[in-house]
Amino acid sequence: MNDAVLPFDPPLRTCNEDGTYHYSQLKILANSGQKYLHACNTQFEPTLAMRLGTAVHQIILGARPGREVVVFDGESRRGNAYKEFAAAHAGRDILTRAEMERAERIAMAVRNDPEAERCLAGAQTEVRLEWEEMGLRFSSGGADIVGSGQIGDLKTTSKTTIDEFKRQGANELYHCQLAFYRRGANAMGIDSSRGLYVLAVQTGPCPEVVKYELTETMIAIGERAVASWLEKLRAYLDMCPSPTKYSDWPGMAIGPVSWAAPAYLDPFGDEEEEEEAA
């Protein structure tokens, strides 16, 4: 990232535009304070997978304010007609008619699934969470499913097996996201005593739905991660509350990083590096 070229006037924002701290930015702090600042001060273009996920959420759970999906009736994103439509709906998630029909097929799989029906029966959806701690205001756009003492998150996925999704979920920190939601729910007096889960629906030609219930160990891992991010955030804010460039906050590494040869890369072994590791 180039500190010399910034698309805004300093100081940089250290939180969302509404003055609250969001999970989508906070999780980036686990990797880099500089990338966290970048996320707080720039807008990203959602991928097709993200737009499909937003559309499925809207069909099943209702639209989040300001995040309503709009449909372009043309068949292509090329040409002046689409450019004019996009300009008139700036900041909104836009799907073509064919993409929206795909989202509707995925949503139908959720509606027809008995486990999903049990999760949604009598539950509140898109529950906004807002709370304060450590002198900071936190919020979430909406916890997807809240009811019967559980908090659930609806996810769309291209993964076709359970093991693939579990690996994806761990890499995408879904357990941390749910732990963040539970932190807010507990602060607001919302019951989450019966646990956390992800309701995942596949986006392929034969979508299936699986409910992944987090074990207590998985929840504890997520809670420890979120707690460490909040401590890091508080420390960075105390160190430099009004940064004027990304490098005012620490990046991925403060000094040199040792790069030893992993076993798969060095089939002959390296006794010296093995001794150092020991």
C-alpha atoms as a PDB file:
ATOM      1  CA  MET A   1       0.000   0.000   0.000  1.00  0.00           C
ATOM      2  CA  ASN A   2       1.285   3.447  -0.928  1.00  0.00           C
ATOM      3  CA  ASP A   3       0.990   5.934   1.934  1.00  0.00           C
ATOM      4  CA  ALA A   4       1.803   8.795  -0.437  1.00  0.00           C
ATOM      5  CA  VAL A   5      -1.417   8.395  -2.422  1.00  0.00           C
ATOM      6  CA  LEU A   6      -4.575   8.400  -0.314  1.00  0.00           C
ATOM      7  CA  PRO A   7      -8.139   8.815  -1.646  1.00  0.00           C
ATOM      8  CA  PHE A   8      -9.214  10.891   1.361  1.00  0.00           C
ATOM      9  CA  ASP A   9      -8.001  13.649   3.675  1.00  0.00           C
ATOM     10  CA  PRO A  10      -6.277  12.711   6.939  1.00  0.00           C
ATOM     11  CA  PRO A  11      -6.750  11.776   9.661  1.00  0.00           C
ATOM     12  CA  LEU A  12      -7.816   8.289   8.699  1.00  0.00           C
ATOM     13  CA  ARG A  13     -10.918   6.675  10.148  1.00  0.00           C
ATOM     14  CA  THR A  14     -10.176   3.992  12.733  1.00  0.00           C
ATOM     15  CA  CYS A  15     -13.746   2.663  12.707  1.00  0.00           C
ATOM     16  CA  ASN A  16     -16.770   2.537  10.444  1.00  0.00           C
ATOM     17  CA  GLU A  17     -18.408   5.702   9.105  1.00  0.00           C
ATOM     18  CA  ASP A  18     -21.134   5.505  11.755  1.00  0.00           C
ATOM     19  CA  GLY A  19     -18.540   5.621  14.549  1.00  0.00           C
ATOM     20  CA  THR A  20     -18.881   1.955  15.501  1.00  0.00           C
ATOM     21  CA  TYR A  21     -16.490  -0.961  15.141  1.00  0.00           C
ATOM     22  CA  HIS A  22     -17.598  -3.812  12.865  1.00  0.00           C
ATOM     23  CA  TYR A  23     -16.537  -7.434  12.678  1.00  0.00           C
ATOM     24  CA  SER A  24     -15.785  -7.277   8.943  1.00  0.00           C
ATOM     25  CA  GLN A  25     -12.983  -4.810   9.627  1.00  0.00           C
ATOM     26  CA  LEU A  26     -11.988  -6.076  13.059  1.00  0.00           C
ATOM     27  CA  LYS A  27     -11.020  -9.542  11.783  1.00  0.00           C
ATOM     28  CA  ILE A  28      -8.438  -7.935   9.498  1.00  0.00           C
ATOM     29  CA  LEU A  29      -6.657  -6.613  12.587  1.00  0.00           C
ATOM     30  CA  ALA A  30      -5.575 -10.187  13.339  1.00  0.00           C
ATOM     31  CA  ASN A  31      -3.249  -9.924  10.349  1.00  0.00           C
ATOM     32  CA  SER A  32      -2.266  -6.273  10.090  1.00  0.00           C
ATOM     33  CA  GLY A  33      -3.077  -2.915  11.639  1.00  0.00           C
ATOM     34  CA  GLN A  34      -2.245  -1.222   8.350  1.00  0.00           C
ATOM     35  CA  LYS A  35      -4.675  -3.392   6.390  1.00  0.00           C
ATOM     36  CA  TYR A  36      -7.288  -2.705   9.077  1.00  0.00           C
ATOM     37  CA  LEU A  37      -6.954   1.049   8.473  1.00  0.00           C
ATOM     38  CA  HIS A  38      -7.175   0.444   4.739  1.00  0.00           C
ATOM     39  CA  ALA A  39     -10.425  -1.513   5.207  1.00  0.00           C
ATOM     40  CA  CYS A  40     -11.904   1.293   7.340  1.00  0.00           C
ATOM     41  CA  ASN A  41     -11.134   3.941   4.733  1.00  0.00           C
ATOM     42  CA  THR A  42     -11.897   2.299   1.401  1.00  0.00           C
ATOM     43  CA  GLN A  43     -14.840   0.624  -0.280  1.00  0.00           C
ATOM     44  CA  PHE A  44     -14.602  -2.750  -1.974  1.00  0.00           C
ATOM     45  CA  GLU A  45     -16.510  -4.111  -4.934  1.00  0.00           C
ATOM     46  CA  PRO A  46     -18.404  -7.284  -3.940  1.00  0.00           C
ATOM     47  CA  THR A  47     -17.764 -10.398  -5.989  1.00  0.00           C
ATOM     48  CA  LEU A  48     -20.541 -12.342  -7.696  1.00  0.00           C
ATOM     49  CA  ALA A  49     -20.400 -14.910  -4.872  1.00  0.00           C
ATOM     50  CA  MET A  50     -20.921 -12.110  -2.338  1.00  0.00           C
ATOM     51  CA  ARG A  51     -23.812 -10.641  -4.313  1.00  0.00           C
ATOM     52  CA  LEU A  52     -25.450 -14.068  -4.562  1.00  0.00           C
ATOM     53  CA  GLY A  53     -25.045 -14.518  -0.818  1.00  0.00           C
ATOM     54  CA  THR A  54     -26.629 -11.128  -0.152  1.00  0.00           C
ATOM     55  CA  ALA A  55     -29.547 -11.992  -2.431  1.00  0.00           C
ATOM     56  CA  VAL A  56     -30.138 -15.347  -0.704  1.00  0.00           C
ATOM     57  CA  HIS A  57     -30.050 -13.555   2.655  1.00  0.00           C
ATOM     58  CA  GLN A  58     -32.619 -11.059   1.434  1.00  0.00           C
ATOM     59  CA  ILE A  59     -34.977 -13.765   0.162  1.00  0.00           C
ATOM     60  CA  ILE A  60     -34.771 -15.890   3.328  1.00  0.00           C
ATOM     61  CA  LEU A  61     -34.137 -13.360   6.096  1.00  0.00           C
ATOM     62  CA  GLY A  62     -35.262 -10.016   4.688  1.00  0.00           C
ATOM     63  CA  ALA A  63     -33.148  -7.147   3.433  1.00  0.00           C
ATOM     64  CA  ARG A  64     -30.751  -5.227   5.599  1.00  0.00           C
ATOM     65  CA  PRO A  65     -31.361  -1.456   5.453  1.00  0.00           C
ATOM     66  CA  GLY A  66     -29.181   0.030   2.756  1.00  0.00           C
ATOM     67  CA  ARG A  67     -28.194  -3.395   1.427  1.00  0.00           C
ATOM     68  CA  GLU A  68     -31.254  -4.198  -0.671  1.00  0.00           C
ATOM     69  CA  VAL A  69     -30.433  -6.133  -3.827  1.00  0.00           C
ATOM     70  CA  VAL A  70     -31.633  -4.592  -7.067  1.00  0.00           C
ATOM     71  CA  VAL A  71     -32.117  -6.485 -10.329  1.00  0.00           C
ATOM     72  CA  PHE A  72     -30.939  -5.336 -13.746  1.00  0.00           C
ATOM     73  CA  ASP A  73     -33.220  -6.785 -16.406  1.00  0.00           C
ATOM     74  CA  GLY A  74     -30.547  -6.899 -19.087  1.00  0.00           C
ATOM     75  CA  GLU A  75     -28.524 -10.040 -19.725  1.00  0.00           C
ATOM     76  CA  SER A  76     -25.075  -8.442 -19.605  1.00  0.00           C
ATOM     77  CA  ARG A  77     -23.152  -5.985 -17.442  1.00  0.00           C
ATOM     78  CA  ARG A  78     -21.675  -4.482 -20.570  1.00  0.00           C
ATOM     79  CA  GLY A  79     -23.032  -1.492 -22.409  1.00  0.00           C
ATOM     80  CA  ASN A  80     -24.486   1.900 -21.597  1.00  0.00           C
ATOM     81  CA  ALA A  81     -27.779   0.517 -20.256  1.00  0.00           C
ATOM     82  CA  TYR A  82     -26.009  -1.240 -17.400  1.00  0.00           C
ATOM     83  CA  LYS A  83     -23.719   1.727 -16.733  1.00  0.00           C
ATOM     84  CA  GLU A  84     -26.737   4.004 -16.395  1.00  0.00           C
ATOM     85  CA  PHE A  85     -28.518   1.509 -14.130  1.00  0.00           C
ATOM     86  CA  ALA A  86     -25.424   1.110 -11.928  1.00  0.00           C
ATOM     87  CA  ALA A  87     -25.022   4.871 -11.640  1.00  0.00           C
ATOM     88  CA  ALA A  88     -28.665   5.223 -10.576  1.00  0.00           C
ATOM     89  CA  HIS A  89     -28.202   2.511  -7.918  1.00  0.00           C
ATOM     90  CA  ALA A  90     -24.733   3.401  -6.655  1.00  0.00           C
ATOM     91  CA  GLY A  91     -23.776   1.571  -3.473  1.00  0.00           C
ATOM     92  CA  ARG A  92     -26.355  -1.184  -3.984  1.00  0.00           C
ATOM     93  CA  ASP A  93     -25.734  -4.832  -4.816  1.00  0.00           C
ATOM     94  CA  ILE A  94     -26.814  -5.372  -8.433  1.00  0.00           C
ATOM     95  CA  LEU A  95     -27.714  -8.753  -9.920  1.00  0.00           C
ATOM     96  CA  THR A  96     -28.750  -9.537 -13.444  1.00  0.00           C
ATOM     97  CA  ARG A  97     -32.069 -11.319 -13.923  1.00  0.00           C
ATOM     98  CA  ALA A  98     -30.273 -14.642 -14.503  1.00  0.00           C
ATOM     99  CA  GLU A  99     -28.184 -14.196 -11.336  1.00  0.00           C
ATOM    100  CA  MET A 100     -31.288 -13.387  -9.289  1.00  0.00           C
ATOM    101  CA  GLU A 101     -33.011 -16.516 -10.599  1.00  0.00           C
ATOM    102  CA  ARG A 102     -29.981 -18.513  -9.453  1.00  0.00           C
ATOM    103  CA  ALA A 103     -30.216 -16.922  -6.006  1.00  0.00           C
ATOM    104  CA  GLU A 104     -33.915 -17.847  -5.860  1.00  0.00           C
ATOM    105  CA  ARG A 105     -33.088 -21.504  -6.633  1.00  0.00           C
ATOM    106  CA  ILE A 106     -30.520 -21.536  -3.833  1.00  0.00           C
ATOM    107  CA  ALA A 107     -33.002 -19.925  -1.430  1.00  0.00           C
ATOM    108  CA  MET A 108     -35.605 -22.536  -2.370  1.00  0.00           C
ATOM    109  CA  ALA A 109     -33.238 -25.244  -1.102  1.00  0.00           C
ATOM    110  CA  VAL A 110     -33.176 -23.478   2.281  1.00  0.00           C
ATOM    111  CA  ARG A 111     -36.950 -23.129   2.389  1.00  0.00           C
ATOM    112  CA  ASN A 112     -37.408 -26.835   1.598  1.00  0.00           C
ATOM    113  CA  ASP A 113     -34.887 -28.092   4.151  1.00  0.00           C
ATOM    114  CA  PRO A 114     -36.401 -29.468   7.419  1.00  0.00           C
ATOM    115  CA  GLU A 115     -33.391 -28.434   9.550  1.00  0.00           C
ATOM    116  CA  ALA A 116     -33.451 -24.911   8.167  1.00  0.00           C
ATOM    117  CA  GLU A 117     -37.194 -24.758   8.791  1.00  0.00           C
ATOM    118  CA  ARG A 118     -36.622 -25.683  12.450  1.00  0.00           C
ATOM    119  CA  CYS A 119     -33.940 -23.002  12.788  1.00  0.00           C
ATOM    120  CA  LEU A 120     -36.129 -20.295  11.274  1.00  0.00           C
ATOM    121  CA  ALA A 121     -39.416 -21.209  12.981  1.00  0.00           C
ATOM    122  CA  GLY A 122     -40.252 -18.446  15.453  1.00  0.00           C
ATOM    123  CA  ALA A 123     -36.776 -16.913  15.183  1.00  0.00           C
ATOM    124  CA  GLN A 124     -35.863 -13.273  14.734  1.00  0.00           C
ATOM    125  CA  THR A 125     -33.768 -12.490  11.674  1.00  0.00           C
ATOM    126  CA  GLU A 126     -31.239  -9.767  10.886  1.00  0.00           C
ATOM    127  CA  VAL A 127     -31.079  -8.735  14.539  1.00  0.00           C
ATOM    128  CA  ARG A 128     -28.944  -5.611  14.876  1.00  0.00           C
ATOM    129  CA  LEU A 129     -26.479  -5.788  17.769  1.00  0.00           C
ATOM    130  CA  GLU A 130     -25.060  -2.649  19.381  1.00  0.00           C
ATOM    131  CA  TRP A 131     -23.072  -2.465  22.590  1.00  0.00           C
ATOM    132  CA  GLU A 132     -20.178  -0.694  24.319  1.00  0.00           C
ATOM    133  CA  GLU A 133     -17.049  -2.025  25.980  1.00  0.00           C
ATOM    134  CA  MET A 134     -13.488  -0.822  26.491  1.00  0.00           C
ATOM    135  CA  GLY A 135     -14.765   2.701  25.832  1.00  0.00           C
ATOM    136  CA  LEU A 136     -15.682   1.733  22.244  1.00  0.00           C
ATOM    137  CA  ARG A 137     -18.995   1.238  20.407  1.00  0.00           C
ATOM    138  CA  PHE A 138     -19.468  -2.019  18.533  1.00  0.00           C
ATOM    139  CA  SER A 139     -22.219  -3.076  16.165  1.00  0.00           C
ATOM    140  CA  SER A 140     -23.172  -5.701  13.642  1.00  0.00           C
ATOM    141  CA  GLY A 141     -25.304  -5.201  10.554  1.00  0.00           C
ATOM    142  CA  GLY A 142     -27.422  -8.058  11.827  1.00  0.00           C
ATOM    143  CA  ALA A 143     -27.107 -11.464  13.429  1.00  0.00           C
ATOM    144  CA  ASP A 144     -28.827 -13.658  10.849  1.00  0.00           C
ATOM    145  CA  ILE A 145     -30.939 -15.979  13.023  1.00  0.00           C
ATOM    146  CA  VAL A 146     -31.673 -15.512  16.741  1.00  0.00           C
ATOM    147  CA  GLY A 147     -34.055 -17.815  18.557  1.00  0.00           C
ATOM    148  CA  SER A 148     -34.461 -20.702  20.994  1.00  0.00           C
ATOM    149  CA  GLY A 149     -31.278 -19.703  22.811  1.00  0.00           C
ATOM    150  CA  GLN A 150     -29.141 -20.019  19.678  1.00  0.00           C
ATOM    151  CA  ILE A 151     -27.456 -17.636  17.258  1.00  0.00           C
ATOM    152  CA  GLY A 152     -27.020 -18.777  13.669  1.00  0.00           C
ATOM    153  CA  ASP A 153     -25.386 -17.411  10.560  1.00  0.00           C
ATOM    154  CA  LEU A 154     -26.648 -18.217   7.059  1.00  0.00           C
ATOM    155  CA  LYS A 155     -23.769 -18.835   4.639  1.00  0.00           C
ATOM    156  CA  THR A 156     -23.659 -19.664   0.963  1.00  0.00           C
ATOM    157  CA  THR A 157     -20.779 -21.857  -0.164  1.00  0.00           C
ATOM    158  CA  SER A 158     -19.355 -23.391  -3.300  1.00  0.00           C
ATOM    159  CA  LYS A 159     -17.919 -26.284  -1.271  1.00  0.00           C
ATOM    160  CA  THR A 160     -19.610 -29.595  -1.980  1.00  0.00           C
ATOM    161  CA  THR A 161     -18.450 -31.719   0.977  1.00  0.00           C
ATOM    162  CA  ILE A 162     -18.657 -31.310   4.741  1.00  0.00           C
ATOM    163  CA  ASP A 163     -14.890 -31.494   5.232  1.00  0.00           C
ATOM    164  CA  GLU A 164     -14.321 -28.822   2.555  1.00  0.00           C
ATOM    165  CA  PHE A 165     -16.782 -26.483   4.219  1.00  0.00           C
ATOM    166  CA  LYS A 166     -15.250 -26.989   7.656  1.00  0.00           C
ATOM    167  CA  ARG A 167     -11.842 -26.030   6.278  1.00  0.00           C
ATOM    168  CA  GLN A 168     -13.332 -23.019   4.505  1.00  0.00           C
ATOM    169  CA  GLY A 169     -15.209 -21.964   7.624  1.00  0.00           C
ATOM    170  CA  ALA A 170     -12.085 -22.150   9.768  1.00  0.00           C
ATOM    171  CA  ASN A 171     -10.053 -20.185   7.211  1.00  0.00           C
ATOM    172  CA  GLU A 172     -12.802 -17.571   6.868  1.00  0.00           C
ATOM    173  CA  LEU A 173     -13.072 -17.314  10.688  1.00  0.00           C
ATOM    174  CA  TYR A 174     -16.799 -18.059  10.792  1.00  0.00           C
ATOM    175  CA  HIS A 175     -16.410 -19.250  14.397  1.00  0.00           C
ATOM    176  CA  CYS A 176     -14.923 -15.873  15.323  1.00  0.00           C
ATOM    177  CA  GLN A 177     -17.788 -14.026  13.648  1.00  0.00           C
ATOM    178  CA  LEU A 178     -20.322 -15.991  15.676  1.00  0.00           C
ATOM    179  CA  ALA A 179     -18.297 -15.424  18.853  1.00  0.00           C
ATOM    180  CA  PHE A 180     -18.387 -11.685  18.110  1.00  0.00           C
ATOM    181  CA  TYR A 181     -22.160 -11.858  17.695  1.00  0.00           C
ATOM    182  CA  ARG A 182     -22.534 -13.732  20.974  1.00  0.00           C
ATOM    183  CA  ARG A 183     -20.398 -11.119  22.726  1.00  0.00           C
ATOM    184  CA  GLY A 184     -22.855  -8.479  21.575  1.00  0.00           C
ATOM    185  CA  ALA A 185     -25.893 -10.617  22.343  1.00  0.00           C
ATOM    186  CA  ASN A 186     -24.693 -11.235  25.890  1.00  0.00           C
ATOM    187  CA  ALA A 187     -24.125  -7.502  26.400  1.00  0.00           C
ATOM    188  CA  MET A 188     -27.703  -6.855  25.227  1.00  0.00           C
ATOM    189  CA  GLY A 189     -29.246  -9.623  27.337  1.00  0.00           C
ATOM    190  CA  ILE A 190     -30.085 -11.850  24.344  1.00  0.00           C
ATOM    191  CA  ASP A 191     -30.079 -15.561  25.182  1.00  0.00           C
ATOM    192  CA  SER A 192     -27.393 -17.591  23.403  1.00  0.00           C
ATOM    193  CA  SER A 193     -27.042 -20.337  26.026  1.00  0.00           C
ATOM    194  CA  ARG A 194     -27.866 -23.156  23.593  1.00  0.00           C
ATOM    195  CA  GLY A 195     -24.974 -22.414  21.291  1.00  0.00           C
ATOM    196  CA  LEU A 196     -23.911 -21.136  17.897  1.00  0.00           C
ATOM    197  CA  TYR A 197     -24.266 -22.579  14.420  1.00  0.00           C
ATOM    198  CA  VAL A 198     -23.767 -21.961  10.717  1.00  0.00           C
ATOM    199  CA  LEU A 199     -26.592 -22.814   8.331  1.00  0.00           C
ATOM    200  CA  ALA A 200     -24.734 -23.425   5.061  1.00  0.00           C
ATOM    201  CA  VAL A 201     -26.343 -23.788   1.645  1.00  0.00           C
ATOM    202  CA  GLN A 202     -24.417 -24.812  -1.444  1.00  0.00           C
ATOM    203  CA  THR A 203     -24.527 -22.641  -4.559  1.00  0.00           C
ATOM    204  CA  GLY A 204     -23.983 -25.434  -7.121  1.00  0.00           C
ATOM    205  CA  PRO A 205     -26.541 -27.021  -9.458  1.00  0.00           C
ATOM    206  CA  CYS A 206     -27.806 -29.339  -6.685  1.00  0.00           C
ATOM    207  CA  PRO A 207     -27.739 -27.192  -3.523  1.00  0.00           C
ATOM    208  CA  GLU A 208     -27.901 -28.924  -0.149  1.00  0.00           C
ATOM    209  CA  VAL A 209     -28.255 -27.402   3.298  1.00  0.00           C
ATOM    210  CA  VAL A 210     -26.237 -28.427   6.369  1.00  0.00           C
ATOM    211  CA  LYS A 211     -26.421 -27.059   9.903  1.00  0.00           C
ATOM    212  CA  TYR A 212     -22.948 -26.914  11.505  1.00  0.00           C
ATOM    213  CA  GLU A 213     -23.200 -26.631  15.289  1.00  0.00           C
ATOM    214  CA  LEU A 214     -20.054 -25.260  16.904  1.00  0.00           C
ATOM    215  CA  THR A 215     -18.588 -27.316  19.723  1.00  0.00           C
ATOM    216  CA  GLU A 216     -17.680 -25.616  23.003  1.00  0.00           C
ATOM    217  CA  THR A 217     -14.007 -25.865  22.029  1.00  0.00           C
ATOM    218  CA  MET A 218     -14.646 -24.162  18.684  1.00  0.00           C
ATOM    219  CA  ILE A 219     -16.629 -21.412  20.410  1.00  0.00           C
ATOM    220  CA  ALA A 220     -13.846 -20.909  22.971  1.00  0.00           C
ATOM    221  CA  ILE A 221     -11.266 -20.601  20.174  1.00  0.00           C
ATOM    222  CA  GLY A 222     -13.413 -17.948  18.509  1.00  0.00           C
ATOM    223  CA  GLU A 223     -13.954 -16.067  21.755  1.00  0.00           C
ATOM    224  CA  ARG A 224     -10.220 -15.999  22.542  1.00  0.00           C
ATOM    225  CA  ALA A 225      -9.452 -14.708  19.055  1.00  0.00           C
ATOM    226  CA  VAL A 226     -12.030 -11.913  19.288  1.00  0.00           C
ATOM    227  CA  ALA A 227     -10.791 -10.920  22.760  1.00  0.00           C
ATOM    228  CA  SER A 228      -7.218 -10.698  21.444  1.00  0.00           C
ATOM    229  CA  TRP A 229      -8.326  -8.514  18.512  1.00  0.00           C
ATOM    230  CA  LEU A 230     -10.138  -6.131  20.858  1.00  0.00           C
ATOM    231  CA  GLU A 231      -7.064  -5.870  23.083  1.00  0.00           C
ATOM    232  CA  LYS A 232      -4.917  -5.148  20.018  1.00  0.00           C
ATOM    233  CA  LEU A 233      -7.407  -2.540  18.786  1.00  0.00           C
ATOM    234  CA  ARG A 234      -7.424  -0.784  22.149  1.00  0.00           C
ATOM    235  CA  ALA A 235      -3.599  -0.794  22.234  1.00  0.00           C
ATOM    236  CA  TYR A 236      -3.314   0.619  18.696  1.00  0.00           C
ATOM    237  CA  LEU A 237      -5.867   3.351  19.447  1.00  0.00           C
ATOM    238  CA  ASP A 238      -4.016   4.307  22.630  1.00  0.00           C
ATOM    239  CA  MET A 239      -0.727   4.354  20.703  1.00  0.00           C
ATOM    240  CA  CYS A 240      -2.003   6.435  17.758  1.00  0.00           C
ATOM    241  CA  PRO A 241      -5.661   7.511  17.963  1.00  0.00           C
ATOM    242  CA  SER A 242      -5.544   9.765  14.850  1.00  0.00           C
ATOM    243  CA  PRO A 243      -3.367   8.107  12.196  1.00  0.00           C
ATOM    244  CA  THR A 244      -2.641  10.121   9.055  1.00  0.00           C
ATOM    245  CA  LYS A 245      -1.131   7.263   7.052  1.00  0.00           C
ATOM    246  CA  TYR A 246      -1.441   3.469   7.093  1.00  0.00           C
ATOM    247  CA  SER A 247       2.071   2.958   8.460  1.00  0.00           C
ATOM    248  CA  ASP A 248       1.166   4.828  11.661  1.00  0.00           C
ATOM    249  CA  TRP A 249      -0.174   1.443  12.825  1.00  0.00           C
ATOM    250  CA  PRO A 250       1.845  -1.812  12.834  1.00  0.00           C
ATOM    251  CA  GLY A 251       1.735  -4.053   9.793  1.00  0.00           C
ATOM    252  CA  MET A 252       2.007  -7.833   9.503  1.00  0.00           C
ATOM    253  CA  ALA A 253       5.495  -7.942  11.033  1.00  0.00           C
ATOM    254  CA  ILE A 254       7.548  -5.500  13.080  1.00  0.00           C
ATOM    255  CA  GLY A 255      10.911  -7.097  12.260  1.00  0.00           C
ATOM    256  CA  PRO A 256      12.445  -9.916  10.221  1.00  0.00           C
ATOM    257  CA  VAL A 257      10.525 -13.192  10.056  1.00  0.00           C
ATOM    258  CA  SER A 258      12.404 -16.498  10.158  1.00  0.00           C
ATOM    259  CA  TRP A 259      11.523 -18.761   7.209  1.00  0.00           C
ATOM    260  CA  ALA A 260      12.544 -22.352   7.894  1.00  0.00           C
ATOM    261  CA  ALA A 261      12.089 -25.143   5.375  1.00  0.00           C
ATOM    262  CA  PRO A 262       8.947 -27.195   6.064  1.00  0.00           C
ATOM    263  CA  ALA A 263       9.280 -30.975   5.913  1.00  0.00           C
ATOM    264  CA  TYR A 264       7.342 -31.307   2.638  1.00  0.00           C
ATOM    265  CA  LEU A 265       9.749 -28.905   0.905  1.00  0.00           C
ATOM    266  CA  ASP A 266      12.950 -30.534   2.172  1.00  0.00           C
ATOM    267  CA  PRO A 267      12.602 -34.324   1.791  1.00  0.00           C
ATOM    268  CA  PHE A 268      16.211 -34.840   2.901  1.00  0.00           C
ATOM    269  CA  GLY A 269      15.637 -33.057   6.201  1.00  0.00           C
ATOM    270  CA  ASP A 270      17.661 -30.252   7.690  1.00  0.00           C
ATOM    271  CA  GLU A 271      19.139 -31.230  11.018  1.00  0.00           C
ATOM    272  CA  GLU A 272      20.266 -27.687  11.782  1.00  0.00           C
ATOM    273  CA  GLU A 273      16.793 -26.209  11.341  1.00  0.00           C
ATOM    274  CA  GLU A 274      15.207 -29.132  13.187  1.00  0.00           C
ATOM    275  CA  GLU A 275      17.558 -28.488  16.124  1.00  0.00           C
ATOM    276  CA  GLU A 276      16.677 -24.786  16.069  1.00  0.00           C
ATOM    277  CA  ALA A 277      12.978 -25.586  16.053  1.00  0.00           C
ATOM    278  CA  ALA A 278      13.462 -27.929  19.008  1.00  0.00           C
END
